[in-house]
């Protein structure tokens, strides 16, 4: 399933729609402005909360938690050492891990695990700066086939990448 993420630049709260390959609205990403930590809510088109994505403060490395019904379903962390390219680890509630590897700043990366590809994220086909595709491997029967969870991971990765971009601009 291919999803298209179109972020609205300079929008208060970072709110944006995620559409499917037919242009139908699949998810609403509701960025919560004026919070001490970065927070997003992933909602269905009718406005029902599916997942909450929160920055974990006071962590040694960049960390975002993805929660469903008050419980953590996934934790996205930047690896401490990754000499050749950006790498993050997604720890799922069942103990399995996904690896996120590629160019996070340019939104050209893949999510995979021992079972193979979970999703590929790319913006190379789009002329708009903040538009990218999330191609979810929905043939999987595990968490890797859940478009909402994979989209939430992509939003978390994007938030971590944005923090890194801001840090590099300050230096």
C-alpha atoms as a PDB file:
ATOM      1  CA  UNK A   1       0.000   0.000   0.000  1.00  0.00           C
ATOM      2  CA  UNK A   2       1.462   3.314  -1.053  1.00  0.00           C
ATOM      3  CA  UNK A   3       0.752   6.335   1.087  1.00  0.00           C
ATOM      4  CA  UNK A   4       1.589   9.921   0.220  1.00  0.00           C
ATOM      5  CA  UNK A   5       2.624  12.238   3.045  1.00  0.00           C
ATOM      6  CA  UNK A   6       2.180  15.945   2.250  1.00  0.00           C
ATOM      7  CA  UNK A   7       3.396  18.072   5.095  1.00  0.00           C
ATOM      8  CA  UNK A   8       2.331  21.685   5.184  1.00  0.00           C
ATOM      9  CA  UNK A   9       5.344  23.893   5.687  1.00  0.00           C
ATOM     10  CA  UNK A  10       5.121  26.592   8.374  1.00  0.00           C
ATOM     11  CA  UNK A  11       1.792  25.303   9.673  1.00  0.00           C
ATOM     12  CA  UNK A  12       1.076  25.792  13.363  1.00  0.00           C
ATOM     13  CA  UNK A  13       1.200  22.384  15.010  1.00  0.00           C
ATOM     14  CA  UNK A  14       2.487  20.506  11.942  1.00  0.00           C
ATOM     15  CA  UNK A  15      -0.912  19.106  10.872  1.00  0.00           C
ATOM     16  CA  UNK A  16      -1.159  17.235   7.571  1.00  0.00           C
ATOM     17  CA  UNK A  17      -3.049  14.549   5.660  1.00  0.00           C
ATOM     18  CA  UNK A  18      -1.660  11.215   4.519  1.00  0.00           C
ATOM     19  CA  UNK A  19      -3.461   9.970   1.398  1.00  0.00           C
ATOM     20  CA  UNK A  20      -3.487   6.575  -0.274  1.00  0.00           C
ATOM     21  CA  UNK A  21      -2.388   5.899  -3.841  1.00  0.00           C
ATOM     22  CA  UNK A  22      -5.875   6.846  -5.103  1.00  0.00           C
ATOM     23  CA  UNK A  23      -5.796  10.246  -3.412  1.00  0.00           C
ATOM     24  CA  UNK A  24      -8.221   9.190  -0.664  1.00  0.00           C
ATOM     25  CA  UNK A  25      -7.511  10.455   2.844  1.00  0.00           C
ATOM     26  CA  UNK A  26      -6.028   7.643   4.930  1.00  0.00           C
ATOM     27  CA  UNK A  27      -4.697   9.368   8.081  1.00  0.00           C
ATOM     28  CA  UNK A  28      -4.645  12.803   9.672  1.00  0.00           C
ATOM     29  CA  UNK A  29      -1.415  13.687  11.489  1.00  0.00           C
ATOM     30  CA  UNK A  30      -2.300  16.193  14.185  1.00  0.00           C
ATOM     31  CA  UNK A  31       0.791  17.932  15.541  1.00  0.00           C
ATOM     32  CA  UNK A  32       0.274  19.219  19.042  1.00  0.00           C
ATOM     33  CA  UNK A  33       1.623  22.764  19.296  1.00  0.00           C
ATOM     34  CA  UNK A  34       2.799  24.399  22.496  1.00  0.00           C
ATOM     35  CA  UNK A  35       3.877  21.177  24.189  1.00  0.00           C
ATOM     36  CA  UNK A  36       7.148  20.639  26.040  1.00  0.00           C
ATOM     37  CA  UNK A  37       7.906  17.619  23.906  1.00  0.00           C
ATOM     38  CA  UNK A  38       7.173  16.887  20.272  1.00  0.00           C
ATOM     39  CA  UNK A  39       3.799  15.124  20.045  1.00  0.00           C
ATOM     40  CA  UNK A  40       1.670  13.954  17.111  1.00  0.00           C
ATOM     41  CA  UNK A  41      -1.632  12.112  16.997  1.00  0.00           C
ATOM     42  CA  UNK A  42      -2.365   9.803  14.066  1.00  0.00           C
ATOM     43  CA  UNK A  43      -6.103   9.748  13.407  1.00  0.00           C
ATOM     44  CA  UNK A  44      -8.360   8.057  10.885  1.00  0.00           C
ATOM     45  CA  UNK A  45     -10.304  10.255   8.403  1.00  0.00           C
ATOM     46  CA  UNK A  46     -13.241  10.430  10.832  1.00  0.00           C
ATOM     47  CA  UNK A  47     -10.985  11.860  13.562  1.00  0.00           C
ATOM     48  CA  UNK A  48     -10.665   8.753  15.751  1.00  0.00           C
ATOM     49  CA  UNK A  49      -7.296   8.509  17.511  1.00  0.00           C
ATOM     50  CA  UNK A  50      -5.250   5.541  16.302  1.00  0.00           C
ATOM     51  CA  UNK A  51      -1.747   6.215  17.652  1.00  0.00           C
ATOM     52  CA  UNK A  52       0.111   8.889  19.611  1.00  0.00           C
ATOM     53  CA  UNK A  53       3.742   9.676  18.777  1.00  0.00           C
ATOM     54  CA  UNK A  54       5.705  11.360  21.595  1.00  0.00           C
ATOM     55  CA  UNK A  55       9.261  12.482  22.032  1.00  0.00           C
ATOM     56  CA  UNK A  56      10.911  10.903  25.038  1.00  0.00           C
ATOM     57  CA  UNK A  57      12.688  13.634  26.979  1.00  0.00           C
ATOM     58  CA  UNK A  58      15.891  13.105  28.943  1.00  0.00           C
ATOM     59  CA  UNK A  59      17.032  10.232  26.729  1.00  0.00           C
ATOM     60  CA  UNK A  60      20.704   9.712  25.844  1.00  0.00           C
ATOM     61  CA  UNK A  61      19.806   9.407  22.171  1.00  0.00           C
ATOM     62  CA  UNK A  62      16.887  10.729  20.143  1.00  0.00           C
ATOM     63  CA  UNK A  63      13.825   8.660  21.047  1.00  0.00           C
ATOM     64  CA  UNK A  64      10.137   8.730  20.077  1.00  0.00           C
ATOM     65  CA  UNK A  65       7.461   6.467  21.567  1.00  0.00           C
ATOM     66  CA  UNK A  66       4.390   5.304  19.653  1.00  0.00           C
ATOM     67  CA  UNK A  67       1.420   4.599  21.896  1.00  0.00           C
ATOM     68  CA  UNK A  68      -1.962   2.961  21.385  1.00  0.00           C
ATOM     69  CA  UNK A  69      -4.641   3.138  24.095  1.00  0.00           C
ATOM     70  CA  UNK A  70      -2.098   4.412  26.641  1.00  0.00           C
ATOM     71  CA  UNK A  71       0.439   1.622  26.085  1.00  0.00           C
ATOM     72  CA  UNK A  72       3.685   1.790  24.125  1.00  0.00           C
ATOM     73  CA  UNK A  73       3.550  -0.287  20.915  1.00  0.00           C
ATOM     74  CA  UNK A  74       6.889   0.853  19.470  1.00  0.00           C
ATOM     75  CA  UNK A  75       9.934   2.905  20.421  1.00  0.00           C
ATOM     76  CA  UNK A  76      12.039   4.569  17.714  1.00  0.00           C
ATOM     77  CA  UNK A  77      15.678   5.296  18.712  1.00  0.00           C
ATOM     78  CA  UNK A  78      18.660   6.712  16.900  1.00  0.00           C
ATOM     79  CA  UNK A  79      21.612   4.322  17.042  1.00  0.00           C
ATOM     80  CA  UNK A  80      24.571   5.695  18.967  1.00  0.00           C
ATOM     81  CA  UNK A  81      27.092   4.662  16.322  1.00  0.00           C
ATOM     82  CA  UNK A  82      26.333   4.487  12.598  1.00  0.00           C
ATOM     83  CA  UNK A  83      29.435   5.530  10.647  1.00  0.00           C
ATOM     84  CA  UNK A  84      28.207   5.264   7.051  1.00  0.00           C
ATOM     85  CA  UNK A  85      24.555   6.290   7.056  1.00  0.00           C
ATOM     86  CA  UNK A  86      21.674   7.148   9.350  1.00  0.00           C
ATOM     87  CA  UNK A  87      20.341   4.223  11.348  1.00  0.00           C
ATOM     88  CA  UNK A  88      17.539   3.926  13.826  1.00  0.00           C
ATOM     89  CA  UNK A  89      16.040   0.988  15.649  1.00  0.00           C
ATOM     90  CA  UNK A  90      12.328   0.422  16.169  1.00  0.00           C
ATOM     91  CA  UNK A  91      11.621  -1.800  19.168  1.00  0.00           C
ATOM     92  CA  UNK A  92       8.107  -3.287  19.009  1.00  0.00           C
ATOM     93  CA  UNK A  93       6.065  -4.290  22.040  1.00  0.00           C
ATOM     94  CA  UNK A  94       6.416  -7.994  21.170  1.00  0.00           C
ATOM     95  CA  UNK A  95      10.232  -7.755  21.403  1.00  0.00           C
ATOM     96  CA  UNK A  96      10.970  -7.742  17.671  1.00  0.00           C
ATOM     97  CA  UNK A  97      13.031  -4.976  16.092  1.00  0.00           C
ATOM     98  CA  UNK A  98      12.946  -3.115  12.820  1.00  0.00           C
ATOM     99  CA  UNK A  99      15.957  -1.377  11.341  1.00  0.00           C
ATOM    100  CA  UNK A 100      15.601   2.024   9.695  1.00  0.00           C
ATOM    101  CA  UNK A 101      18.537   2.727   7.381  1.00  0.00           C
ATOM    102  CA  UNK A 102      19.285   5.262   4.681  1.00  0.00           C
ATOM    103  CA  UNK A 103      19.269   9.019   4.295  1.00  0.00           C
ATOM    104  CA  UNK A 104      16.825  10.346   6.877  1.00  0.00           C
ATOM    105  CA  UNK A 105      17.323  14.015   6.053  1.00  0.00           C
ATOM    106  CA  UNK A 106      16.463  13.489   2.373  1.00  0.00           C
ATOM    107  CA  UNK A 107      13.716  10.975   3.235  1.00  0.00           C
ATOM    108  CA  UNK A 108      15.254   8.120   1.279  1.00  0.00           C
ATOM    109  CA  UNK A 109      15.336   5.138   3.623  1.00  0.00           C
ATOM    110  CA  UNK A 110      14.016   1.632   4.222  1.00  0.00           C
ATOM    111  CA  UNK A 111      12.465  -0.105   7.200  1.00  0.00           C
ATOM    112  CA  UNK A 112      13.173  -3.819   7.494  1.00  0.00           C
ATOM    113  CA  UNK A 113      13.487  -6.709   9.919  1.00  0.00           C
ATOM    114  CA  UNK A 114      14.540 -10.362   9.821  1.00  0.00           C
ATOM    115  CA  UNK A 115      11.394 -11.137   7.805  1.00  0.00           C
ATOM    116  CA  UNK A 116      12.397  -8.711   5.043  1.00  0.00           C
ATOM    117  CA  UNK A 117      11.177  -5.285   3.964  1.00  0.00           C
ATOM    118  CA  UNK A 118       8.538  -3.512   6.038  1.00  0.00           C
ATOM    119  CA  UNK A 119       8.394  -0.282   4.008  1.00  0.00           C
ATOM    120  CA  UNK A 120      10.399   2.036   1.808  1.00  0.00           C
ATOM    121  CA  UNK A 121      10.207   5.789   2.172  1.00  0.00           C
ATOM    122  CA  UNK A 122      11.129   8.043  -0.730  1.00  0.00           C
ATOM    123  CA  UNK A 123      10.582  11.545  -1.984  1.00  0.00           C
ATOM    124  CA  UNK A 124      12.619  11.237  -5.168  1.00  0.00           C
ATOM    125  CA  UNK A 125       9.477  11.168  -7.331  1.00  0.00           C
ATOM    126  CA  UNK A 126       8.055  14.406  -5.946  1.00  0.00           C
ATOM    127  CA  UNK A 127       8.978  17.983  -6.759  1.00  0.00           C
ATOM    128  CA  UNK A 128       7.465  19.372  -3.564  1.00  0.00           C
ATOM    129  CA  UNK A 129      10.031  19.618  -0.780  1.00  0.00           C
ATOM    130  CA  UNK A 130       7.961  18.066   1.992  1.00  0.00           C
ATOM    131  CA  UNK A 131       6.134  15.333   0.100  1.00  0.00           C
ATOM    132  CA  UNK A 132       7.226  11.719   0.303  1.00  0.00           C
ATOM    133  CA  UNK A 133       5.832   8.238  -0.245  1.00  0.00           C
ATOM    134  CA  UNK A 134       5.563   5.479   2.339  1.00  0.00           C
ATOM    135  CA  UNK A 135       5.276   2.133   0.561  1.00  0.00           C
ATOM    136  CA  UNK A 136       4.002  -0.339   3.182  1.00  0.00           C
ATOM    137  CA  UNK A 137       4.433  -4.076   2.652  1.00  0.00           C
ATOM    138  CA  UNK A 138       0.798  -4.904   3.489  1.00  0.00           C
ATOM    139  CA  UNK A 139       1.311  -8.541   2.461  1.00  0.00           C
ATOM    140  CA  UNK A 140       2.870  -9.083   5.861  1.00  0.00           C
ATOM    141  CA  UNK A 141       0.588 -10.493   8.542  1.00  0.00           C
ATOM    142  CA  UNK A 142       2.605  -9.105  11.472  1.00  0.00           C
ATOM    143  CA  UNK A 143       3.028  -5.508  12.693  1.00  0.00           C
ATOM    144  CA  UNK A 144       4.995  -4.743   9.510  1.00  0.00           C
ATOM    145  CA  UNK A 145       1.764  -4.918   7.519  1.00  0.00           C
ATOM    146  CA  UNK A 146      -0.030  -2.305   9.664  1.00  0.00           C
ATOM    147  CA  UNK A 147      -0.179   0.923   7.592  1.00  0.00           C
ATOM    148  CA  UNK A 148      -1.030   3.068  10.644  1.00  0.00           C
ATOM    149  CA  UNK A 149       1.951   1.793  12.657  1.00  0.00           C
ATOM    150  CA  UNK A 150       4.362   2.097   9.722  1.00  0.00           C
ATOM    151  CA  UNK A 151       3.108   5.642   9.014  1.00  0.00           C
ATOM    152  CA  UNK A 152       3.581   6.524  12.692  1.00  0.00           C
ATOM    153  CA  UNK A 153       7.159   5.205  12.524  1.00  0.00           C
ATOM    154  CA  UNK A 154       7.806   7.348   9.409  1.00  0.00           C
ATOM    155  CA  UNK A 155       6.450  10.435  11.234  1.00  0.00           C
ATOM    156  CA  UNK A 156       8.679   9.656  14.238  1.00  0.00           C
ATOM    157  CA  UNK A 157      11.713   9.180  11.986  1.00  0.00           C
ATOM    158  CA  UNK A 158      10.918  12.473  10.271  1.00  0.00           C
ATOM    159  CA  UNK A 159      10.665  14.251  13.647  1.00  0.00           C
ATOM    160  CA  UNK A 160      14.013  12.808  14.763  1.00  0.00           C
ATOM    161  CA  UNK A 161      15.559  13.819  11.423  1.00  0.00           C
ATOM    162  CA  UNK A 162      14.153  17.350  11.783  1.00  0.00           C
ATOM    163  CA  UNK A 163      15.686  17.690  15.259  1.00  0.00           C
ATOM    164  CA  UNK A 164      19.030  16.597  13.828  1.00  0.00           C
ATOM    165  CA  UNK A 165      18.702  19.074  10.945  1.00  0.00           C
ATOM    166  CA  UNK A 166      18.030  21.906  13.431  1.00  0.00           C
ATOM    167  CA  UNK A 167      21.033  20.883  15.561  1.00  0.00           C
ATOM    168  CA  UNK A 168      23.315  20.898  12.504  1.00  0.00           C
ATOM    169  CA  UNK A 169      22.046  24.344  11.475  1.00  0.00           C
ATOM    170  CA  UNK A 170      22.868  25.702  14.958  1.00  0.00           C
ATOM    171  CA  UNK A 171      26.471  24.415  14.776  1.00  0.00           C
END
